[in-house]
N, C-alpha and C. Protein backbone atom coordinates (compact mmCIF):
# COMPACT_ATOMS: atom_id res chain seq x y z
N MET A 1 0.85 -1.16 0.00
CA MET A 1 0.00 0.00 0.00
C MET A 1 0.90 1.23 0.00
N THR A 2 0.61 2.17 -0.84
CA THR A 2 1.40 3.39 -0.91
C THR A 2 0.62 4.55 -0.33
N SER A 3 1.34 5.61 -0.05
CA SER A 3 0.68 6.80 0.46
C SER A 3 0.43 7.81 -0.65
N GLN A 4 0.45 7.39 -1.88
CA GLN A 4 0.30 8.26 -3.03
C GLN A 4 -1.15 8.42 -3.46
N GLY A 5 -2.09 8.19 -2.55
CA GLY A 5 -3.49 8.33 -2.89
C GLY A 5 -4.10 7.07 -3.47
N ASN A 6 -3.35 5.99 -3.48
CA ASN A 6 -3.83 4.72 -4.00
C ASN A 6 -4.61 4.02 -2.89
N ASN A 7 -5.90 3.83 -3.10
CA ASN A 7 -6.75 3.22 -2.07
C ASN A 7 -6.96 1.73 -2.28
N HIS A 8 -6.15 1.10 -3.12
CA HIS A 8 -6.29 -0.34 -3.29
C HIS A 8 -6.00 -1.02 -1.96
N GLY A 9 -6.90 -1.86 -1.52
CA GLY A 9 -6.73 -2.56 -0.26
C GLY A 9 -7.26 -1.80 0.94
N TRP A 10 -7.77 -0.58 0.72
CA TRP A 10 -8.31 0.20 1.83
C TRP A 10 -9.43 -0.58 2.49
N ARG A 11 -9.46 -0.62 3.80
CA ARG A 11 -10.44 -1.35 4.60
C ARG A 11 -10.27 -2.86 4.41
N ARG A 12 -9.09 -3.28 4.09
CA ARG A 12 -8.84 -4.70 3.83
C ARG A 12 -8.89 -5.57 5.08
N LEU A 13 -8.96 -4.96 6.26
CA LEU A 13 -9.02 -5.73 7.49
C LEU A 13 -10.43 -5.81 8.06
N THR A 14 -11.42 -5.39 7.29
CA THR A 14 -12.81 -5.46 7.74
C THR A 14 -13.15 -6.90 8.10
N GLY A 15 -13.76 -7.07 9.27
CA GLY A 15 -14.15 -8.39 9.73
C GLY A 15 -13.06 -9.12 10.50
N LYS A 16 -11.90 -8.51 10.64
CA LYS A 16 -10.78 -9.11 11.36
C LYS A 16 -10.68 -8.49 12.75
N VAL A 17 -10.07 -9.21 13.68
CA VAL A 17 -9.80 -8.71 15.02
C VAL A 17 -8.29 -8.75 15.23
N ALA A 18 -7.73 -7.63 15.67
CA ALA A 18 -6.29 -7.55 15.94
C ALA A 18 -6.08 -7.32 17.43
N VAL A 19 -5.20 -8.11 18.03
CA VAL A 19 -4.79 -7.91 19.42
C VAL A 19 -3.38 -7.34 19.36
N ILE A 20 -3.23 -6.12 19.87
CA ILE A 20 -1.95 -5.42 19.78
C ILE A 20 -1.45 -5.15 21.18
N THR A 21 -0.28 -5.70 21.50
CA THR A 21 0.31 -5.50 22.82
C THR A 21 1.18 -4.25 22.82
N ALA A 22 1.38 -3.70 24.00
CA ALA A 22 2.17 -2.47 24.17
C ALA A 22 1.65 -1.38 23.25
N ALA A 23 0.34 -1.21 23.24
CA ALA A 23 -0.31 -0.35 22.24
C ALA A 23 -0.82 0.97 22.81
N THR A 24 -0.22 1.45 23.89
CA THR A 24 -0.72 2.69 24.47
C THR A 24 0.05 3.92 24.00
N ALA A 25 1.13 3.73 23.27
CA ALA A 25 1.93 4.86 22.77
C ALA A 25 2.84 4.37 21.64
N GLY A 26 3.43 5.31 20.96
CA GLY A 26 4.44 4.99 19.96
C GLY A 26 3.95 4.11 18.84
N ILE A 27 4.80 3.17 18.47
CA ILE A 27 4.52 2.29 17.33
C ILE A 27 3.26 1.46 17.57
N GLY A 28 3.10 0.92 18.78
CA GLY A 28 1.93 0.10 19.07
C GLY A 28 0.62 0.85 18.87
N LEU A 29 0.57 2.09 19.35
CA LEU A 29 -0.63 2.90 19.19
C LEU A 29 -0.84 3.27 17.72
N ALA A 30 0.23 3.57 17.02
CA ALA A 30 0.11 3.89 15.59
C ALA A 30 -0.41 2.69 14.80
N ILE A 31 0.03 1.50 15.16
CA ILE A 31 -0.47 0.29 14.50
C ILE A 31 -1.95 0.12 14.79
N ALA A 32 -2.35 0.31 16.04
CA ALA A 32 -3.77 0.20 16.40
C ALA A 32 -4.60 1.18 15.60
N GLU A 33 -4.14 2.43 15.50
CA GLU A 33 -4.87 3.44 14.73
C GLU A 33 -4.99 3.04 13.27
N ARG A 34 -3.92 2.54 12.68
CA ARG A 34 -3.95 2.15 11.27
C ARG A 34 -4.87 0.96 11.04
N PHE A 35 -4.80 -0.04 11.91
CA PHE A 35 -5.67 -1.21 11.77
C PHE A 35 -7.13 -0.80 11.87
N LEU A 36 -7.44 0.13 12.76
CA LEU A 36 -8.81 0.63 12.87
C LEU A 36 -9.24 1.29 11.57
N LYS A 37 -8.37 2.10 10.98
CA LYS A 37 -8.68 2.74 9.70
C LYS A 37 -8.88 1.71 8.59
N GLU A 38 -8.20 0.58 8.71
CA GLU A 38 -8.31 -0.49 7.72
C GLU A 38 -9.54 -1.37 7.96
N GLY A 39 -10.31 -1.06 9.02
CA GLY A 39 -11.56 -1.77 9.25
C GLY A 39 -11.53 -2.85 10.30
N ALA A 40 -10.38 -3.08 10.93
CA ALA A 40 -10.29 -4.13 11.95
C ALA A 40 -10.92 -3.68 13.26
N LYS A 41 -11.36 -4.65 14.04
CA LYS A 41 -11.70 -4.40 15.44
C LYS A 41 -10.39 -4.61 16.19
N VAL A 42 -10.11 -3.75 17.15
CA VAL A 42 -8.81 -3.76 17.80
C VAL A 42 -8.95 -3.93 19.30
N VAL A 43 -8.10 -4.79 19.86
CA VAL A 43 -7.95 -4.94 21.30
C VAL A 43 -6.52 -4.50 21.61
N ILE A 44 -6.38 -3.50 22.49
CA ILE A 44 -5.04 -3.06 22.87
C ILE A 44 -4.74 -3.52 24.29
N SER A 45 -3.45 -3.70 24.57
CA SER A 45 -3.07 -4.10 25.93
C SER A 45 -1.80 -3.37 26.35
N SER A 46 -1.65 -3.29 27.65
CA SER A 46 -0.46 -2.71 28.26
C SER A 46 -0.45 -3.12 29.72
N ARG A 47 0.68 -2.96 30.37
CA ARG A 47 0.77 -3.30 31.79
C ARG A 47 0.16 -2.24 32.69
N ASN A 48 0.03 -1.02 32.20
CA ASN A 48 -0.41 0.10 33.02
C ASN A 48 -1.85 0.48 32.69
N GLN A 49 -2.76 0.30 33.63
CA GLN A 49 -4.18 0.56 33.39
C GLN A 49 -4.44 2.01 33.01
N GLN A 50 -3.76 2.95 33.65
CA GLN A 50 -3.98 4.37 33.34
C GLN A 50 -3.60 4.67 31.88
N ASN A 51 -2.49 4.12 31.41
CA ASN A 51 -2.09 4.32 30.02
C ASN A 51 -3.09 3.70 29.06
N VAL A 52 -3.60 2.53 29.42
CA VAL A 52 -4.61 1.87 28.58
C VAL A 52 -5.86 2.73 28.51
N ASP A 53 -6.31 3.23 29.65
CA ASP A 53 -7.51 4.07 29.69
C ASP A 53 -7.35 5.32 28.82
N GLN A 54 -6.18 5.96 28.88
CA GLN A 54 -5.94 7.15 28.07
C GLN A 54 -5.92 6.82 26.59
N ALA A 55 -5.26 5.73 26.23
CA ALA A 55 -5.18 5.35 24.81
C ALA A 55 -6.55 4.98 24.27
N ILE A 56 -7.33 4.22 25.03
CA ILE A 56 -8.64 3.80 24.55
C ILE A 56 -9.56 5.01 24.43
N SER A 57 -9.46 5.96 25.36
CA SER A 57 -10.27 7.18 25.26
C SER A 57 -9.94 7.95 23.99
N SER A 58 -8.67 8.04 23.68
CA SER A 58 -8.24 8.73 22.46
C SER A 58 -8.76 8.02 21.22
N LEU A 59 -8.66 6.70 21.19
CA LEU A 59 -9.14 5.94 20.03
C LEU A 59 -10.65 6.09 19.87
N ILE A 60 -11.39 6.00 20.96
CA ILE A 60 -12.85 6.12 20.90
C ILE A 60 -13.25 7.53 20.48
N LYS A 61 -12.54 8.54 20.98
CA LYS A 61 -12.82 9.93 20.60
C LYS A 61 -12.69 10.11 19.09
N ASN A 62 -11.80 9.34 18.49
CA ASN A 62 -11.60 9.41 17.04
C ASN A 62 -12.49 8.44 16.28
N GLY A 63 -13.51 7.91 16.95
CA GLY A 63 -14.51 7.09 16.28
C GLY A 63 -14.24 5.60 16.27
N ALA A 64 -13.29 5.15 17.04
CA ALA A 64 -12.93 3.73 17.03
C ALA A 64 -13.89 2.89 17.86
N ASN A 65 -14.01 1.64 17.45
CA ASN A 65 -14.70 0.63 18.24
C ASN A 65 -13.60 -0.29 18.74
N ALA A 66 -13.09 0.01 19.94
CA ALA A 66 -11.92 -0.71 20.44
C ALA A 66 -12.16 -1.20 21.85
N ALA A 67 -11.41 -2.23 22.23
CA ALA A 67 -11.47 -2.79 23.57
C ALA A 67 -10.06 -2.76 24.14
N HIS A 68 -9.96 -3.00 25.45
CA HIS A 68 -8.64 -2.96 26.07
C HIS A 68 -8.49 -4.00 27.15
N ILE A 69 -7.22 -4.33 27.41
CA ILE A 69 -6.85 -5.27 28.46
C ILE A 69 -5.62 -4.70 29.15
N ALA A 70 -5.62 -4.66 30.47
CA ALA A 70 -4.42 -4.29 31.21
C ALA A 70 -3.95 -5.52 31.95
N GLY A 71 -2.67 -5.74 31.98
CA GLY A 71 -2.13 -6.91 32.66
C GLY A 71 -0.80 -6.60 33.30
N LYS A 72 -0.32 -7.52 34.10
CA LYS A 72 0.98 -7.37 34.74
C LYS A 72 1.94 -8.35 34.12
N SER A 73 3.21 -7.96 34.13
CA SER A 73 4.23 -8.86 33.59
C SER A 73 4.69 -9.82 34.64
């Protein structure tokens, strides 16, 4: 997929579920955002509940249908 305005494959993850770990910031959060744009349902996880809550709030504010899991290592 290119960023040159080519929409081939856009929403290609519709009907899929992605579980993304360490997804409250940086690359993990960017992947979650992209998968959501591609049509996937996304579950994000992190060890810190507060970070998970902030990330999920941001995703939902942007129209996402996302779930979250916080866990300990």
